[in-house]
Protein backbone atom coordinates (compact mmCIF):
# COMPACT_ATOMS: atom_id res chain seq x y z
CA MET A 1 108.85 24.28 46.56
CA SER A 2 111.80 26.16 48.73
CA ASP A 3 113.37 28.55 46.55
CA LEU A 4 116.79 27.03 47.40
CA SER A 5 115.71 23.48 46.37
CA LYS A 6 116.16 22.57 42.85
CA ILE A 7 114.13 21.61 40.08
CA PRO A 8 114.42 17.99 39.33
CA VAL A 9 114.44 17.58 35.26
CA THR A 10 114.33 14.27 34.00
CA VAL A 11 116.04 13.46 30.41
CA ILE A 12 113.79 11.11 28.16
CA THR A 13 116.17 9.24 25.76
CA GLY A 14 115.93 6.26 23.10
CA PHE A 15 116.46 5.59 19.83
CA LEU A 16 113.95 6.87 17.11
CA GLY A 17 110.30 6.05 17.15
CA SER A 18 111.01 4.24 20.83
CA GLY A 19 107.58 5.71 22.08
CA LYS A 20 109.64 9.10 24.16
CA THR A 21 106.87 10.98 23.27
CA THR A 22 103.33 8.82 24.57
CA LEU A 23 105.74 8.35 27.77
CA ILE A 24 105.03 12.05 27.70
CA ARG A 25 101.72 11.94 27.94
CA HIS A 26 100.96 9.55 30.04
CA LEU A 27 103.51 11.06 32.46
CA MET A 28 101.51 14.31 31.66
CA ALA A 29 98.31 12.41 32.19
CA ASN A 30 99.35 11.40 36.13
CA PRO A 31 101.57 14.25 37.45
CA GLN A 32 101.52 12.87 40.40
CA GLY A 33 100.18 16.39 41.68
CA LYS A 34 102.77 17.75 40.55
CA ARG A 35 103.04 21.59 38.11
CA LEU A 36 105.30 19.94 35.20
CA ALA A 37 106.98 21.65 31.72
CA VAL A 38 108.03 20.12 28.81
CA LEU A 39 111.17 20.44 26.69
CA VAL A 40 110.73 19.04 23.21
CA ASN A 41 113.63 18.57 21.38
CA GLU A 42 113.17 17.49 17.23
CA PHE A 43 115.61 16.06 14.86
CA GLY A 44 114.09 18.45 11.83
CA THR A 45 112.31 21.30 11.16
CA VAL A 46 108.83 19.86 11.27
CA GLY A 47 108.01 20.05 15.29
CA VAL A 48 105.87 16.91 15.40
CA ASP A 49 106.27 15.61 18.84
CA GLY A 50 106.16 19.54 20.36
CA ASP A 51 102.65 20.07 18.60
CA ILE A 52 101.37 16.68 20.22
CA LEU A 53 102.33 17.04 23.64
CA LYS A 54 100.73 20.47 23.52
CA SER A 55 97.38 19.26 22.14
CA CYS A 56 97.48 17.34 25.90
CA ALA A 57 98.26 20.90 27.51
CA ASP A 58 96.12 20.82 30.81
CA GLU A 59 96.38 23.21 34.02
CA ASN A 60 98.55 20.54 35.60
CA CYS A 61 101.04 21.82 32.03
CA PRO A 62 99.30 24.63 30.01
CA VAL A 63 100.59 25.17 26.92
CA GLU A 64 103.17 28.08 27.98
CA ASN A 65 105.36 25.12 29.71
CA ILE A 66 105.93 23.14 26.54
CA VAL A 67 108.83 24.41 24.78
CA GLU A 68 109.88 22.76 21.25
CA LEU A 69 113.62 22.93 20.47
CA ALA A 70 113.34 21.88 16.38
CA ASN A 71 116.67 21.57 13.44
CA GLY A 72 119.34 21.44 16.27
CA CYS A 73 120.65 18.64 17.97
CA ILE A 74 119.98 19.36 22.31
CA CYS A 75 123.40 18.43 22.60
CA CYS A 76 125.16 20.67 20.24
CA THR A 77 123.58 23.97 20.42
CA VAL A 78 123.59 23.72 24.82
CA ALA A 79 125.10 27.21 25.03
CA ASP A 80 122.92 28.82 22.19
CA ASP A 81 119.43 26.98 22.92
CA PHE A 82 119.64 24.85 25.64
CA ILE A 83 120.46 27.03 28.85
CA PRO A 84 118.36 30.53 27.72
CA THR A 85 115.38 27.29 27.02
CA ILE A 86 115.75 26.24 31.29
CA GLU A 87 116.23 30.35 32.39
CA ALA A 88 113.28 30.78 30.62
CA LEU A 89 111.35 28.40 32.05
CA MET A 90 112.97 28.53 35.31
CA ALA A 91 111.47 32.66 35.29
CA LEU A 92 107.60 31.61 34.80
CA PRO A 93 105.63 33.06 37.13
CA GLN A 94 104.32 29.73 38.46
CA LYS A 95 107.60 27.57 38.32
CA PRO A 96 107.80 23.69 37.71
CA ASP A 97 107.76 21.60 40.15
CA HIS A 98 109.28 19.40 37.52
CA ILE A 99 110.43 19.31 34.08
CA LEU A 100 110.51 16.18 31.11
CA ILE A 101 113.07 16.55 28.86
CA GLU A 102 112.45 14.46 25.25
CA THR A 103 115.22 14.57 23.20
CA SER A 104 115.07 14.00 19.87
CA GLY A 105 115.82 9.89 18.62
CA LEU A 106 118.92 10.82 17.47
CA ALA A 107 120.56 12.80 20.57
CA LEU A 108 123.72 11.55 22.76
CA PRO A 109 122.60 12.26 26.30
CA LYS A 110 125.75 13.10 28.15
CA PRO A 111 126.33 16.18 26.47
CA LEU A 112 123.14 17.34 28.34
CA LEU A 113 123.96 16.21 31.07
CA LYS A 114 126.91 18.01 31.58
CA ALA A 115 125.36 20.85 30.24
CA PHE A 116 123.65 21.01 33.90
CA ASP A 117 127.02 21.33 35.31
CA TRP A 118 126.60 25.03 33.73
CA PRO A 119 127.62 28.09 37.01
CA ALA A 120 124.17 29.88 35.37
CA ILE A 121 121.85 26.86 36.11
CA ARG A 122 123.46 24.27 38.39
CA SER A 123 122.58 25.94 41.27
CA LYS A 124 118.85 25.83 40.73
CA ILE A 125 118.22 22.29 38.69
CA THR A 126 119.35 19.31 39.18
CA VAL A 127 119.48 15.59 37.04
CA ASP A 128 116.64 13.55 38.66
CA GLY A 129 117.45 10.96 36.24
CA VAL A 130 117.48 9.25 32.56
CA VAL A 131 115.27 6.77 31.04
CA ALA A 132 116.37 5.21 28.32
CA LEU A 133 113.57 3.76 26.28
CA ALA A 134 114.71 0.62 23.60
CA ASP A 135 111.45 -0.83 21.39
CA ALA A 136 111.72 -4.43 22.39
CA GLU A 137 111.07 -5.70 18.80
CA ALA A 138 113.84 -4.03 17.08
CA VAL A 139 115.98 -4.23 20.00
CA ALA A 140 115.54 -7.87 19.84
CA ALA A 141 115.96 -8.16 15.61
CA GLY A 142 119.27 -6.78 16.57
CA ARG A 143 118.83 -3.71 13.89
CA PHE A 144 121.47 -1.41 15.11
CA ALA A 145 124.15 -3.05 12.06
CA PRO A 146 123.41 -3.53 8.85
CA ASP A 147 124.30 -7.26 9.26
CA VAL A 148 124.80 -7.99 12.87
CA ASP A 149 126.20 -11.78 12.10
CA ALA A 150 128.53 -10.13 10.23
CA VAL A 151 129.89 -7.85 11.76
CA GLN A 152 130.38 -9.72 14.82
CA ALA A 153 132.31 -12.66 12.91
CA GLN A 154 134.65 -9.47 12.16
CA ARG A 155 134.95 -8.42 15.55
CA GLU A 156 135.49 -11.78 16.92
CA ALA A 157 137.96 -12.16 13.73
CA ASP A 158 140.50 -9.28 15.07
CA ASP A 159 138.83 -7.44 17.84
CA SER A 160 141.27 -4.55 17.17
CA ILE A 161 138.69 -2.61 14.97
CA ASP A 162 135.83 -0.86 15.21
CA HIS A 163 132.83 -2.33 13.34
CA GLU A 164 130.34 -0.30 15.11
CA THR A 165 127.61 1.66 13.17
CA PRO A 166 126.42 4.87 14.46
CA LEU A 167 123.52 3.91 15.18
CA SER A 168 124.79 1.44 17.35
CA GLU A 169 126.80 4.28 19.02
CA VAL A 170 123.78 6.23 19.39
CA PHE A 171 121.45 3.64 21.66
CA GLU A 172 124.84 1.85 23.46
CA ASP A 173 125.32 5.76 24.58
CA GLN A 174 122.03 6.18 25.65
CA ILE A 175 121.58 2.34 27.48
CA ALA A 176 125.76 3.99 29.04
CA CYS A 177 124.08 7.39 30.69
CA ALA A 178 120.34 5.26 31.73
CA ASP A 179 119.12 5.86 35.30
CA ILE A 180 116.32 3.05 34.37
CA VAL A 181 115.51 2.01 30.47
CA LEU A 182 112.13 0.61 29.98
CA LEU A 183 111.53 -1.45 26.92
CA THR A 184 109.18 -0.40 24.84
CA LYS A 185 106.48 -1.63 22.63
CA SER A 186 106.07 -5.33 24.42
CA ASP A 187 102.99 -6.27 23.47
CA LEU A 188 104.36 -5.94 19.64
CA ALA A 189 107.59 -7.97 21.34
CA GLY A 190 106.45 -10.89 22.83
CA GLU A 191 107.62 -13.01 26.25
CA ALA A 192 110.80 -14.46 23.38
CA GLY A 193 111.52 -11.14 22.15
CA LEU A 194 111.51 -9.27 24.94
CA ALA A 195 113.68 -11.88 26.70
CA ALA A 196 116.23 -10.94 24.39
CA ALA A 197 116.11 -7.50 23.58
CA LYS A 198 116.45 -8.06 27.45
CA ALA A 199 120.14 -9.46 27.24
CA VAL A 200 121.45 -6.96 24.65
CA ILE A 201 120.97 -4.63 26.76
CA GLU A 202 122.26 -5.91 30.10
CA ALA A 203 125.05 -6.63 27.34
CA GLU A 204 125.49 -3.07 26.48
CA ALA A 205 124.71 -1.35 29.76
CA PRO A 206 128.38 -0.81 31.95
CA ARG A 207 126.35 -0.76 35.18
CA LYS A 208 123.40 -3.48 36.55
CA LEU A 209 120.63 -1.32 35.25
CA PRO A 210 116.22 -1.43 36.24
CA ILE A 211 114.97 -2.82 33.30
CA LEU A 212 110.88 -2.86 32.83
CA SER A 213 108.74 -3.48 29.65
CA ILE A 214 105.86 -0.92 28.76
CA ALA A 215 103.22 -1.29 26.47
CA GLU A 216 101.64 2.58 24.76
CA GLY A 217 104.01 4.31 27.27
CA VAL A 218 102.04 3.34 30.69
CA VAL A 219 104.09 3.06 33.73
CA ASP A 220 104.22 4.12 37.57
CA PRO A 221 104.86 8.16 37.08
CA ARG A 222 106.93 7.14 40.49
CA VAL A 223 108.86 4.22 39.17
CA VAL A 224 110.09 7.03 36.95
CA LEU A 225 110.02 10.21 38.81
CA GLY A 226 111.70 10.85 42.03
CA LEU A 227 114.89 8.96 41.75
CA ASN A 228 117.29 11.43 42.46
CA ALA A 229 119.83 10.30 41.12
CA ALA A 230 122.00 13.97 40.90
CA ALA A 231 123.53 12.50 37.00
CA GLU A 232 124.99 15.68 36.69
CA ASP A 233 127.61 14.83 39.22
CA ASP A 234 127.58 11.01 38.53
CA LEU A 235 129.28 11.38 34.86
CA ALA A 236 132.07 8.91 35.42
CA ALA A 237 129.95 5.89 35.44
CA ARG A 238 127.89 6.87 32.49
CA PRO A 239 130.54 6.41 29.56
CA SER A 240 130.54 7.56 26.27
CA HIS A 241 132.04 6.50 22.81
CA HIS A 242 132.16 10.51 22.37
CA ASP A 243 134.09 11.01 25.71
CA GLY A 244 137.49 13.19 25.03
CA HIS A 245 135.64 15.35 21.81
CA ASP A 246 134.15 18.61 22.27
CA ASP A 247 130.98 16.88 20.20
CA HIS A 248 129.43 14.02 17.88
CA GLU A 249 129.19 14.58 14.67
CA HIS A 250 125.48 14.44 13.32
CA ASP A 251 126.61 14.02 9.82
CA ASP A 252 125.91 10.37 10.07
CA PHE A 253 121.99 11.03 9.30
CA ASP A 254 119.94 13.59 6.87
CA THR A 255 117.06 15.46 7.49
CA ILE A 256 114.20 16.23 4.54
CA VAL A 257 111.03 16.97 4.84
CA VAL A 258 108.78 16.63 2.05
CA GLU A 259 105.82 19.00 1.43
CA MET A 260 102.25 18.07 -0.87
CA GLY A 261 99.20 18.88 -0.70
CA GLU A 262 96.71 16.48 0.03
CA VAL A 263 97.01 12.71 -0.25
CA ALA A 264 93.99 11.75 -2.31
CA ASP A 265 93.99 7.05 -0.85
CA PRO A 266 96.15 7.25 2.67
CA GLU A 267 96.49 3.30 2.53
CA ALA A 268 99.09 3.71 -0.54
CA LEU A 269 101.36 6.20 1.29
CA GLN A 270 101.47 4.17 3.99
CA GLU A 271 102.55 1.51 2.02
CA ALA A 272 104.83 3.85 0.36
CA ILE A 273 106.50 4.43 3.30
CA LYS A 274 107.10 1.16 4.03
CA ARG A 275 108.65 0.59 -0.01
CA LEU A 276 111.01 3.27 1.64
CA ALA A 277 111.73 1.64 4.87
CA ARG A 278 112.35 -1.57 2.72
CA GLU A 279 114.17 0.01 -0.58
CA GLN A 280 116.43 2.94 1.11
CA ASP A 281 116.86 2.02 4.63
CA ILE A 282 114.80 5.01 5.89
CA LEU A 283 114.93 4.86 9.98
CA ARG A 284 111.93 7.20 11.07
CA VAL A 285 109.29 8.95 9.53
CA LYS A 286 106.53 11.12 11.20
CA GLY A 287 104.02 14.07 10.33
CA TYR A 288 101.11 15.17 9.22
CA VAL A 289 98.58 13.99 6.12
CA ALA A 290 96.08 15.71 4.57
CA VAL A 291 93.25 13.45 3.53
CA ALA A 292 91.01 14.47 0.73
CA GLY A 293 87.28 14.62 2.05
CA LYS A 294 88.45 13.83 6.01
CA PRO A 295 88.09 17.26 8.09
CA MET A 296 90.60 15.39 10.54
CA ARG A 297 94.20 15.76 10.05
CA MET A 298 95.61 11.53 10.08
CA LEU A 299 98.84 12.10 12.41
CA VAL A 300 101.67 9.07 10.64
CA GLN A 301 104.13 7.56 13.08
CA ALA A 302 106.64 5.04 11.23
CA VAL A 303 109.75 2.52 12.37
CA GLY A 304 110.85 1.19 9.21
CA GLU A 305 108.44 -1.40 7.82
CA ARG A 306 106.34 -0.48 11.09
CA VAL A 307 102.98 2.27 10.18
CA ARG A 308 101.13 4.38 12.54
CA ALA A 309 98.44 6.71 11.71
CA GLN A 310 95.94 7.88 13.36
CA TYR A 311 93.43 10.89 12.68
CA ASP A 312 93.99 13.08 15.98
CA ARG A 313 92.54 16.19 15.36
CA PRO A 314 90.71 18.45 13.00
CA TRP A 315 91.94 21.42 11.00
CA GLY A 316 90.61 23.73 11.79
CA ASP A 317 91.74 26.95 10.18
CA ALA A 318 95.20 26.08 9.90
CA PRO A 319 96.52 25.38 5.91
CA ARG A 320 96.09 21.49 4.53
CA ALA A 321 98.89 20.38 4.34
CA THR A 322 100.81 16.90 4.09
CA LYS A 323 104.09 17.41 5.52
CA LEU A 324 106.79 14.49 6.43
CA VAL A 325 109.62 14.53 8.19
CA VAL A 326 112.05 11.27 6.75
CA ILE A 327 115.16 10.53 8.82
CA ALA A 328 117.99 8.10 7.35
CA GLU A 329 121.87 6.99 7.81
CA HIS A 330 123.79 9.91 6.16
CA ASP A 331 124.56 8.03 2.67
CA ASN A 332 121.52 6.53 2.38
CA VAL A 333 119.53 9.58 1.81
CA ASP A 334 118.41 9.97 -1.29
CA GLU A 335 116.01 12.40 -1.83
CA ALA A 336 114.63 12.73 -5.17
CA ALA A 337 114.07 8.78 -4.64
CA ILE A 338 112.67 9.25 -1.54
CA ARG A 339 110.09 12.37 -2.86
CA ALA A 340 109.81 10.11 -6.19
CA VAL A 341 107.98 7.02 -3.87
CA LEU A 342 105.86 8.98 -1.62
CA GLY A 343 104.60 10.80 -5.62
CA ALA A 344 105.71 14.68 -4.11
């Protein structure tokens, strides 16, 4: 690659638990002959997604090419975190051929796109495309407002007022910035769910977008890489609820980290996580669990009441401790109650 060529960057955005890390793992395993670098942004202090990706490092994407930005939204910490990190990736002895950026589930992509216009990096990188992931089952179920029918009735009664929830604004901004939308977990949604989710996205999108359904993150890399969108030059076509504002408020959401010792009954813990979704409207739980008597650590990923758990690797010399990141809208966080349900 010529030194005069811009390094393409793919921004992978999507709501909480939509499958961004799974998609990146697939792309890392199928790099199409390219040397990749990955930047992962976490909402919270425990780098679960980055740790998963580092365990998949290989010669096409070595560990030093995988960078985490934790405890701060990438779209709010552009000057302090994002620009220096991108500069560091471009200064690697072997420059990456392509950079993948996984935003947090709560990030708005447009402020990030604006950062690519910064003089320090504009001549060196370009946004090849924005890939938005959407959980087909969740979108079909209309989980972007506490009561979708009631909100719609109020909007129809008085269209001069805005009853959108913070979650819906995040979702809509991600779709509005996208060059392509991937409907994930298509196997769970079924044909009717996929059709419903596609209709929702088509209604929200400001322009016609390709919408593909995938499962387990599997998609032909040629479909999502090499789009040549130069999205940083196309901001006007990507409207945001926050246009005209310098930043957006993450006070709408809270995250807490629950630390515990070994867990004797992992099934009971998974049921407790489901209770949190049911009773306290917790959006997302992710982290690692030390299960008594098991040499492997258990990776937990939960979106609402859907909990997935698997033993991913031995603890080795690492301290055997359980750490869970819990994310919810600000008004739904009762830390004492959350800890009580989890038995912490």
